[in-house]
Amino acid sequence: MYFTDRGIEELEKRRGEEEVTFEWLAEQLRTFVDLNPDFEVPVERLATWLARLDDEDDDEE
């Protein structure tokens, strides 16, 4: 288990039953980056990855 998995496990345990919209998630990510600007690049990479999960073109690379 990676160290970061601890946060993922906590998220799943505490909020795993909740349903959220991507609009809500995007707003939370913006707020997080506003409060923690050093994490802008990783958050942007995560958001881009999530946005493109179903892109068939990315599978060819």
PDB file of N, CA and C in Angstrom:
ATOM      1  N   MET A   1       0.845  -1.172   0.000  1.00  0.00           N
ATOM      2  CA  MET A   1       0.000   0.000   0.000  1.00  0.00           C
ATOM      3  C   MET A   1       0.891   1.235   0.000  1.00  0.00           C
ATOM      4  N   TYR A   2       0.562   2.151  -0.899  1.00  0.00           N
ATOM      5  CA  TYR A   2       1.275   3.421  -0.936  1.00  0.00           C
ATOM      6  C   TYR A   2       0.801   4.292   0.222  1.00  0.00           C
ATOM      7  N   PHE A   3       1.637   5.233   0.644  1.00  0.00           N
ATOM      8  CA  PHE A   3       1.264   6.159   1.710  1.00  0.00           C
ATOM      9  C   PHE A   3      -0.016   6.892   1.353  1.00  0.00           C
ATOM     10  N   THR A   4      -0.154   7.279   0.078  1.00  0.00           N
ATOM     11  CA  THR A   4      -1.344   8.025  -0.342  1.00  0.00           C
ATOM     12  C   THR A   4      -2.608   7.192  -0.247  1.00  0.00           C
ATOM     13  N   ASP A   5      -2.477   5.894  -0.243  1.00  0.00           N
ATOM     14  CA  ASP A   5      -3.655   5.030  -0.123  1.00  0.00           C
ATOM     15  C   ASP A   5      -4.382   5.248   1.196  1.00  0.00           C
ATOM     16  N   ARG A   6      -3.674   5.717   2.206  1.00  0.00           N
ATOM     17  CA  ARG A   6      -4.322   5.964   3.493  1.00  0.00           C
ATOM     18  C   ARG A   6      -5.433   6.995   3.356  1.00  0.00           C
ATOM     19  N   GLY A   7      -5.151   8.062   2.627  1.00  0.00           N
ATOM     20  CA  GLY A   7      -6.166   9.086   2.399  1.00  0.00           C
ATOM     21  C   GLY A   7      -7.314   8.568   1.560  1.00  0.00           C
ATOM     22  N   ILE A   8      -6.990   7.748   0.563  1.00  0.00           N
ATOM     23  CA  ILE A   8      -8.026   7.162  -0.279  1.00  0.00           C
ATOM     24  C   ILE A   8      -8.896   6.227   0.551  1.00  0.00           C
ATOM     25  N   GLU A   9      -8.264   5.435   1.395  1.00  0.00           N
ATOM     26  CA  GLU A   9      -9.016   4.529   2.273  1.00  0.00           C
ATOM     27  C   GLU A   9      -9.922   5.313   3.222  1.00  0.00           C
ATOM     28  N   GLU A  10      -9.410   6.410   3.772  1.00  0.00           N
ATOM     29  CA  GLU A  10     -10.226   7.227   4.670  1.00  0.00           C
ATOM     30  C   GLU A  10     -11.412   7.838   3.921  1.00  0.00           C
ATOM     31  N   LEU A  11     -11.157   8.322   2.717  1.00  0.00           N
ATOM     32  CA  LEU A  11     -12.231   8.889   1.904  1.00  0.00           C
ATOM     33  C   LEU A  11     -13.319   7.855   1.638  1.00  0.00           C
ATOM     34  N   GLU A  12     -12.901   6.671   1.271  1.00  0.00           N
ATOM     35  CA  GLU A  12     -13.858   5.602   0.988  1.00  0.00           C
ATOM     36  C   GLU A  12     -14.645   5.226   2.242  1.00  0.00           C
ATOM     37  N   LYS A  13     -13.960   5.153   3.371  1.00  0.00           N
ATOM     38  CA  LYS A  13     -14.614   4.768   4.618  1.00  0.00           C
ATOM     39  C   LYS A  13     -15.614   5.831   5.076  1.00  0.00           C
ATOM     40  N   ARG A  14     -15.200   7.097   5.035  1.00  0.00           N
ATOM     41  CA  ARG A  14     -16.040   8.181   5.555  1.00  0.00           C
ATOM     42  C   ARG A  14     -17.150   8.597   4.602  1.00  0.00           C
ATOM     43  N   ARG A  15     -16.878   8.567   3.283  1.00  0.00           N
ATOM     44  CA  ARG A  15     -17.825   9.150   2.333  1.00  0.00           C
ATOM     45  C   ARG A  15     -18.196   8.203   1.209  1.00  0.00           C
ATOM     46  N   GLY A  16     -17.826   6.949   1.346  1.00  0.00           N
ATOM     47  CA  GLY A  16     -18.018   5.979   0.277  1.00  0.00           C
ATOM     48  C   GLY A  16     -19.456   5.744  -0.140  1.00  0.00           C
ATOM     49  N   GLU A  17     -20.393   5.991   0.739  1.00  0.00           N
ATOM     50  CA  GLU A  17     -21.803   5.773   0.420  1.00  0.00           C
ATOM     51  C   GLU A  17     -22.458   6.985  -0.240  1.00  0.00           C
ATOM     52  N   GLU A  18     -21.766   8.122  -0.247  1.00  0.00           N
ATOM     53  CA  GLU A  18     -22.335   9.347  -0.793  1.00  0.00           C
ATOM     54  C   GLU A  18     -22.259   9.358  -2.323  1.00  0.00           C
ATOM     55  N   GLU A  19     -23.173  10.096  -2.929  1.00  0.00           N
ATOM     56  CA  GLU A  19     -23.123  10.331  -4.360  1.00  0.00           C
ATOM     57  C   GLU A  19     -22.875  11.818  -4.576  1.00  0.00           C
ATOM     58  N   VAL A  20     -21.954  12.134  -5.489  1.00  0.00           N
ATOM     59  CA  VAL A  20     -21.626  13.529  -5.771  1.00  0.00           C
ATOM     60  C   VAL A  20     -21.628  13.734  -7.281  1.00  0.00           C
ATOM     61  N   THR A  21     -21.748  14.993  -7.688  1.00  0.00           N
ATOM     62  CA  THR A  21     -21.649  15.319  -9.109  1.00  0.00           C
ATOM     63  C   THR A  21     -20.221  15.736  -9.424  1.00  0.00           C
ATOM     64  N   PHE A  22     -19.891  15.701 -10.692  1.00  0.00           N
ATOM     65  CA  PHE A  22     -18.573  16.186 -11.087  1.00  0.00           C
ATOM     66  C   PHE A  22     -18.478  17.697 -10.908  1.00  0.00           C
ATOM     67  N   GLU A  23     -19.608  18.371 -10.983  1.00  0.00           N
ATOM     68  CA  GLU A  23     -19.621  19.805 -10.704  1.00  0.00           C
ATOM     69  C   GLU A  23     -19.194  20.061  -9.256  1.00  0.00           C
ATOM     70  N   TRP A  24     -19.723  19.288  -8.334  1.00  0.00           N
ATOM     71  CA  TRP A  24     -19.348  19.414  -6.921  1.00  0.00           C
ATOM     72  C   TRP A  24     -17.870  19.091  -6.733  1.00  0.00           C
ATOM     73  N   LEU A  25     -17.420  18.004  -7.349  1.00  0.00           N
ATOM     74  CA  LEU A  25     -16.014  17.604  -7.235  1.00  0.00           C
ATOM     75  C   LEU A  25     -15.091  18.685  -7.782  1.00  0.00           C
ATOM     76  N   ALA A  26     -15.438  19.255  -8.921  1.00  0.00           N
ATOM     77  CA  ALA A  26     -14.616  20.316  -9.511  1.00  0.00           C
ATOM     78  C   ALA A  26     -14.514  21.505  -8.563  1.00  0.00           C
ATOM     79  N   GLU A  27     -15.623  21.868  -7.931  1.00  0.00           N
ATOM     80  CA  GLU A  27     -15.604  22.990  -6.996  1.00  0.00           C
ATOM     81  C   GLU A  27     -14.714  22.680  -5.791  1.00  0.00           C
ATOM     82  N   GLN A  28     -14.765  21.456  -5.298  1.00  0.00           N
ATOM     83  CA  GLN A  28     -13.914  21.070  -4.165  1.00  0.00           C
ATOM     84  C   GLN A  28     -12.444  21.100  -4.559  1.00  0.00           C
ATOM     85  N   LEU A  29     -12.126  20.668  -5.774  1.00  0.00           N
ATOM     86  CA  LEU A  29     -10.742  20.703  -6.246  1.00  0.00           C
ATOM     87  C   LEU A  29     -10.255  22.140  -6.378  1.00  0.00           C
ATOM     88  N   ARG A  30     -11.111  23.028  -6.886  1.00  0.00           N
ATOM     89  CA  ARG A  30     -10.738  24.445  -6.977  1.00  0.00           C
ATOM     90  C   ARG A  30     -10.462  25.023  -5.591  1.00  0.00           C
ATOM     91  N   THR A  31     -11.330  24.726  -4.657  1.00  0.00           N
ATOM     92  CA  THR A  31     -11.148  25.225  -3.284  1.00  0.00           C
ATOM     93  C   THR A  31      -9.853  24.701  -2.695  1.00  0.00           C
ATOM     94  N   PHE A  32      -9.577  23.411  -2.893  1.00  0.00           N
ATOM     95  CA  PHE A  32      -8.347  22.816  -2.382  1.00  0.00           C
ATOM     96  C   PHE A  32      -7.122  23.518  -2.955  1.00  0.00           C
ATOM     97  N   VAL A  33      -7.127  23.768  -4.262  1.00  0.00           N
ATOM     98  CA  VAL A  33      -5.981  24.428  -4.900  1.00  0.00           C
ATOM     99  C   VAL A  33      -5.851  25.869  -4.414  1.00  0.00           C
ATOM    100  N   ASP A  34      -6.977  26.543  -4.205  1.00  0.00           N
ATOM    101  CA  ASP A  34      -6.916  27.905  -3.664  1.00  0.00           C
ATOM    102  C   ASP A  34      -6.246  27.914  -2.292  1.00  0.00           C
ATOM    103  N   LEU A  35      -6.552  26.920  -1.479  1.00  0.00           N
ATOM    104  CA  LEU A  35      -5.984  26.832  -0.132  1.00  0.00           C
ATOM    105  C   LEU A  35      -4.570  26.244  -0.122  1.00  0.00           C
ATOM    106  N   ASN A  36      -4.237  25.469  -1.157  1.00  0.00           N
ATOM    107  CA  ASN A  36      -2.948  24.762  -1.232  1.00  0.00           C
ATOM    108  C   ASN A  36      -2.357  24.916  -2.638  1.00  0.00           C
ATOM    109  N   PRO A  37      -1.909  26.099  -3.002  1.00  0.00           N
ATOM    110  CA  PRO A  37      -1.441  26.335  -4.376  1.00  0.00           C
ATOM    111  C   PRO A  37      -0.267  25.459  -4.806  1.00  0.00           C
ATOM    112  N   ASP A  38       0.493  24.928  -3.873  1.00  0.00           N
ATOM    113  CA  ASP A  38       1.598  24.039  -4.234  1.00  0.00           C
ATOM    114  C   ASP A  38       1.117  22.750  -4.885  1.00  0.00           C
ATOM    115  N   PHE A  39      -0.157  22.431  -4.715  1.00  0.00           N
ATOM    116  CA  PHE A  39      -0.709  21.197  -5.269  1.00  0.00           C
ATOM    117  C   PHE A  39      -1.454  21.422  -6.581  1.00  0.00           C
ATOM    118  N   GLU A  40      -1.316  22.600  -7.169  1.00  0.00           N
ATOM    119  CA  GLU A  40      -2.045  22.908  -8.401  1.00  0.00           C
ATOM    120  C   GLU A  40      -1.747  21.908  -9.514  1.00  0.00           C
ATOM    121  N   VAL A  41      -0.492  21.619  -9.759  1.00  0.00           N
ATOM    122  CA  VAL A  41      -0.124  20.723 -10.861  1.00  0.00           C
ATOM    123  C   VAL A  41      -0.669  19.309 -10.651  1.00  0.00           C
ATOM    124  N   PRO A  42      -0.462  18.685  -9.482  1.00  0.00           N
ATOM    125  CA  PRO A  42      -1.016  17.337  -9.317  1.00  0.00           C
ATOM    126  C   PRO A  42      -2.547  17.299  -9.411  1.00  0.00           C
ATOM    127  N   VAL A  43      -3.211  18.321  -8.882  1.00  0.00           N
ATOM    128  CA  VAL A  43      -4.675  18.353  -8.949  1.00  0.00           C
ATOM    129  C   VAL A  43      -5.118  18.506 -10.404  1.00  0.00           C
ATOM    130  N   GLU A  44      -4.446  19.355 -11.163  1.00  0.00           N
ATOM    131  CA  GLU A  44      -4.772  19.519 -12.580  1.00  0.00           C
ATOM    132  C   GLU A  44      -4.550  18.216 -13.343  1.00  0.00           C
ATOM    133  N   ARG A  45      -3.477  17.501 -13.019  1.00  0.00           N
ATOM    134  CA  ARG A  45      -3.219  16.218 -13.687  1.00  0.00           C
ATOM    135  C   ARG A  45      -4.292  15.201 -13.345  1.00  0.00           C
ATOM    136  N   LEU A  46      -4.706  15.153 -12.093  1.00  0.00           N
ATOM    137  CA  LEU A  46      -5.776  14.247 -11.692  1.00  0.00           C
ATOM    138  C   LEU A  46      -7.077  14.605 -12.405  1.00  0.00           C
ATOM    139  N   ALA A  47      -7.426  15.892 -12.435  1.00  0.00           N
ATOM    140  CA  ALA A  47      -8.657  16.320 -13.087  1.00  0.00           C
ATOM    141  C   ALA A  47      -8.638  15.979 -14.575  1.00  0.00           C
ATOM    142  N   THR A  48      -7.511  16.214 -15.224  1.00  0.00           N
ATOM    143  CA  THR A  48      -7.394  15.888 -16.646  1.00  0.00           C
ATOM    144  C   THR A  48      -7.511  14.390 -16.868  1.00  0.00           C
ATOM    145  N   TRP A  49      -6.870  13.615 -16.040  1.00  0.00           N
ATOM    146  CA  TRP A  49      -6.942  12.150 -16.147  1.00  0.00           C
ATOM    147  C   TRP A  49      -8.382  11.667 -15.992  1.00  0.00           C
ATOM    148  N   LEU A  50      -9.076  12.188 -14.979  1.00  0.00           N
ATOM    149  CA  LEU A  50     -10.474  11.807 -14.772  1.00  0.00           C
ATOM    150  C   LEU A  50     -11.339  12.219 -15.959  1.00  0.00           C
ATOM    151  N   ALA A  51     -11.104  13.407 -16.490  1.00  0.00           N
ATOM    152  CA  ALA A  51     -11.895  13.910 -17.604  1.00  0.00           C
ATOM    153  C   ALA A  51     -11.720  13.064 -18.859  1.00  0.00           C
ATOM    154  N   ARG A  52     -10.541  12.470 -19.019  1.00  0.00           N
ATOM    155  CA  ARG A  52     -10.224  11.745 -20.259  1.00  0.00           C
ATOM    156  C   ARG A  52     -10.260  10.225 -20.123  1.00  0.00           C
ATOM    157  N   LEU A  53     -10.786   9.712 -19.039  1.00  0.00           N
ATOM    158  CA  LEU A  53     -10.797   8.259 -18.822  1.00  0.00           C
ATOM    159  C   LEU A  53     -11.374   7.473 -19.976  1.00  0.00           C
ATOM    160  N   ASP A  54     -12.392   7.991 -20.606  1.00  0.00           N
ATOM    161  CA  ASP A  54     -13.058   7.250 -21.676  1.00  0.00           C
ATOM    162  C   ASP A  54     -12.556   7.592 -23.074  1.00  0.00           C
ATOM    163  N   ASP A  55     -11.547   8.433 -23.183  1.00  0.00           N
ATOM    164  CA  ASP A  55     -11.015   8.795 -24.498  1.00  0.00           C
ATOM    165  C   ASP A  55     -10.297   7.617 -25.111  1.00  0.00           C
ATOM    166  N   GLU A  56     -10.795   7.162 -26.252  1.00  0.00           N
ATOM    167  CA  GLU A  56     -10.180   6.021 -26.940  1.00  0.00           C
ATOM    168  C   GLU A  56      -8.817   6.391 -27.514  1.00  0.00           C
ATOM    169  N   ASP A  57      -8.634   7.648 -27.924  1.00  0.00           N
ATOM    170  CA  ASP A  57      -7.368   8.077 -28.524  1.00  0.00           C
ATOM    171  C   ASP A  57      -6.200   7.918 -27.559  1.00  0.00           C
ATOM    172  N   ASP A  58      -6.447   8.131 -26.242  1.00  0.00           N
ATOM    173  CA  ASP A  58      -5.380   8.025 -25.269  1.00  0.00           C
ATOM    174  C   ASP A  58      -4.897   6.585 -25.099  1.00  0.00           C
ATOM    175  N   ASP A  59      -5.745   5.614 -25.402  1.00  0.00           N
ATOM    176  CA  ASP A  59      -5.371   4.215 -25.248  1.00  0.00           C
ATOM    177  C   ASP A  59      -4.318   3.797 -26.275  1.00  0.00           C
ATOM    178  N   GLU A  60      -4.253   4.508 -27.398  1.00  0.00           N
ATOM    179  CA  GLU A  60      -3.320   4.141 -28.460  1.00  0.00           C
ATOM    180  C   GLU A  60      -1.906   4.594 -28.181  1.00  0.00           C
ATOM    181  N   GLU A  61      -1.714   5.522 -27.264  1.00  0.00           N
ATOM    182  CA  GLU A  61      -0.369   6.057 -26.990  1.00  0.00           C
ATOM    183  C   GLU A  61       0.443   5.124 -26.133  1.00  0.00           C
TER     184      GLU A  61
END
